[in-house]
Every structure is written in C-alpha cells, then in structure tokens.
Amino acid sequence: MGMPVRINDDLYEQARAQAQAERRTIAGQIEFWAVVGRTALDNPDLPIDFVRDLLVARAEGPTLATPFVPEGKRD
C-alpha cells in the first residue's frame, strides 16, 4: 500500500533525474534508495557500491546471471 510522504524539493528533483536515467518511477527510485540505505546500515562492513550492485543483481534474477566457474575449472 502506498503512502504519501513529504520530501525536500531538491531530493525530489534528484530522484526524478535518477529515475529517468534508470527507467524507474520517482517513487520506485526513492524506494530503491531506501532499500539500499537500509541494507547498508544493516551491513556496515560492506561497501555501498557492493550493496547496490547486489540488490540490482537480485532484482534481475538468475536468468541474467553468469554462472560462477572457479579458476582451474575453466576450459
């Protein structure tokens, strides 16, 4: 269920620009930022870029994943 939330005009404009670049809605962009932030706070030992990339990869699902092949097992 969506809830209206007041945010700073500057934050809204930043979200709008980023949402357009990443093909999300503005609300979707703000939700993504919130999930990244919450996950980063829950895992302070992980770099923020790693957290973001992990969340993006999980959203893409296994069909776009490249299988992991350990070194020495490659043909």
C-alpha atoms as a PDB file:
ATOM      1  CA  MET A   1       0.000   0.000   0.000  1.00  0.00           C
ATOM      2  CA  GLY A   2       1.394   3.390  -0.968  1.00  0.00           C
ATOM      3  CA  MET A   3       1.576   6.239   1.490  1.00  0.00           C
ATOM      4  CA  PRO A   4       2.102   9.877   0.567  1.00  0.00           C
ATOM      5  CA  VAL A   5       5.291  11.295   2.067  1.00  0.00           C
ATOM      6  CA  ARG A   6       6.641  14.836   2.047  1.00  0.00           C
ATOM      7  CA  ILE A   7      10.227  15.171   0.899  1.00  0.00           C
ATOM      8  CA  ASN A   8      12.559  18.062   0.187  1.00  0.00           C
ATOM      9  CA  ASP A   9      12.200  19.599  -3.294  1.00  0.00           C
ATOM     10  CA  ASP A  10      15.895  19.044  -4.021  1.00  0.00           C
ATOM     11  CA  LEU A  11      15.640  15.351  -3.126  1.00  0.00           C
ATOM     12  CA  TYR A  12      12.577  15.033  -5.353  1.00  0.00           C
ATOM     13  CA  GLU A  13      14.418  16.586  -8.306  1.00  0.00           C
ATOM     14  CA  GLN A  14      17.422  14.308  -7.757  1.00  0.00           C
ATOM     15  CA  ALA A  15      15.108  11.294  -7.601  1.00  0.00           C
ATOM     16  CA  ARG A  16      13.321  12.423 -10.757  1.00  0.00           C
ATOM     17  CA  ALA A  17      16.582  12.736 -12.688  1.00  0.00           C
ATOM     18  CA  GLN A  18      17.950   9.418 -11.427  1.00  0.00           C
ATOM     19  CA  ALA A  19      14.621   7.669 -12.016  1.00  0.00           C
ATOM     20  CA  GLN A  20      14.577   8.823 -15.612  1.00  0.00           C
ATOM     21  CA  ALA A  21      18.156   7.641 -16.149  1.00  0.00           C
ATOM     22  CA  GLU A  22      17.461   4.237 -14.593  1.00  0.00           C
ATOM     23  CA  ARG A  23      13.966   3.861 -16.085  1.00  0.00           C
ATOM     24  CA  ARG A  24      12.150   3.797 -12.745  1.00  0.00           C
ATOM     25  CA  THR A  25       9.267   5.795 -11.396  1.00  0.00           C
ATOM     26  CA  ILE A  26      10.158   8.554  -8.961  1.00  0.00           C
ATOM     27  CA  ALA A  27       8.548   6.568  -6.161  1.00  0.00           C
ATOM     28  CA  GLY A  28      10.451   3.479  -7.299  1.00  0.00           C
ATOM     29  CA  GLN A  29      13.719   5.407  -7.214  1.00  0.00           C
ATOM     30  CA  ILE A  30      13.100   6.664  -3.690  1.00  0.00           C
ATOM     31  CA  GLU A  31      12.126   3.142  -2.588  1.00  0.00           C
ATOM     32  CA  PHE A  32      15.332   1.787  -4.153  1.00  0.00           C
ATOM     33  CA  TRP A  33      17.418   4.378  -2.305  1.00  0.00           C
ATOM     34  CA  ALA A  34      15.630   3.464   0.933  1.00  0.00           C
ATOM     35  CA  VAL A  35      16.323  -0.260   0.467  1.00  0.00           C
ATOM     36  CA  VAL A  36      19.977   0.410  -0.380  1.00  0.00           C
ATOM     37  CA  GLY A  37      20.305   2.637   2.681  1.00  0.00           C
ATOM     38  CA  ARG A  38      18.588   0.196   4.998  1.00  0.00           C
ATOM     39  CA  THR A  39      20.669  -2.701   3.693  1.00  0.00           C
ATOM     40  CA  ALA A  40      23.877  -0.668   4.033  1.00  0.00           C
ATOM     41  CA  LEU A  41      23.008   0.217   7.627  1.00  0.00           C
ATOM     42  CA  ASP A  42      22.303  -3.443   8.379  1.00  0.00           C
ATOM     43  CA  ASN A  43      25.674  -4.408   6.829  1.00  0.00           C
ATOM     44  CA  PRO A  44      28.134  -1.634   7.726  1.00  0.00           C
ATOM     45  CA  ASP A  45      31.120  -3.792   6.770  1.00  0.00           C
ATOM     46  CA  LEU A  46      30.064  -3.892   3.089  1.00  0.00           C
ATOM     47  CA  PRO A  47      30.873  -1.084   0.634  1.00  0.00           C
ATOM     48  CA  ILE A  48      27.779   0.807  -0.520  1.00  0.00           C
ATOM     49  CA  ASP A  49      28.549   0.064  -4.187  1.00  0.00           C
ATOM     50  CA  PHE A  50      28.585  -3.650  -3.395  1.00  0.00           C
ATOM     51  CA  VAL A  51      25.229  -3.366  -1.605  1.00  0.00           C
ATOM     52  CA  ARG A  52      23.694  -1.508  -4.564  1.00  0.00           C
ATOM     53  CA  ASP A  53      25.077  -3.956  -7.131  1.00  0.00           C
ATOM     54  CA  LEU A  54      23.911  -6.936  -5.086  1.00  0.00           C
ATOM     55  CA  LEU A  55      20.365  -5.576  -4.858  1.00  0.00           C
ATOM     56  CA  VAL A  56      20.307  -4.881  -8.603  1.00  0.00           C
ATOM     57  CA  ALA A  57      21.596  -8.386  -9.358  1.00  0.00           C
ATOM     58  CA  ARG A  58      18.983  -9.968  -7.096  1.00  0.00           C
ATOM     59  CA  ALA A  59      16.252  -7.981  -8.847  1.00  0.00           C
ATOM     60  CA  GLU A  60      17.474  -9.160 -12.253  1.00  0.00           C
ATOM     61  CA  GLY A  61      17.051 -12.776 -11.225  1.00  0.00           C
ATOM     62  CA  PRO A  62      19.006 -15.869 -12.208  1.00  0.00           C
ATOM     63  CA  THR A  63      18.200 -15.725 -15.933  1.00  0.00           C
ATOM     64  CA  LEU A  64      20.675 -12.856 -16.478  1.00  0.00           C
ATOM     65  CA  ALA A  65      23.333 -14.239 -14.161  1.00  0.00           C
ATOM     66  CA  THR A  66      26.668 -15.558 -15.347  1.00  0.00           C
ATOM     67  CA  PRO A  67      27.463 -18.887 -13.703  1.00  0.00           C
ATOM     68  CA  PHE A  68      30.447 -18.854 -11.367  1.00  0.00           C
ATOM     69  CA  VAL A  69      33.303 -21.026 -12.581  1.00  0.00           C
ATOM     70  CA  PRO A  70      36.202 -21.427 -10.147  1.00  0.00           C
ATOM     71  CA  GLU A  71      39.705 -20.887 -11.516  1.00  0.00           C
ATOM     72  CA  GLY A  72      41.253 -24.126 -12.706  1.00  0.00           C
ATOM     73  CA  LYS A  73      37.844 -25.440 -13.815  1.00  0.00           C
ATOM     74  CA  ARG A  74      37.653 -23.337 -16.967  1.00  0.00           C
ATOM     75  CA  ASP A  75      38.021 -24.958 -20.376  1.00  0.00           C
END
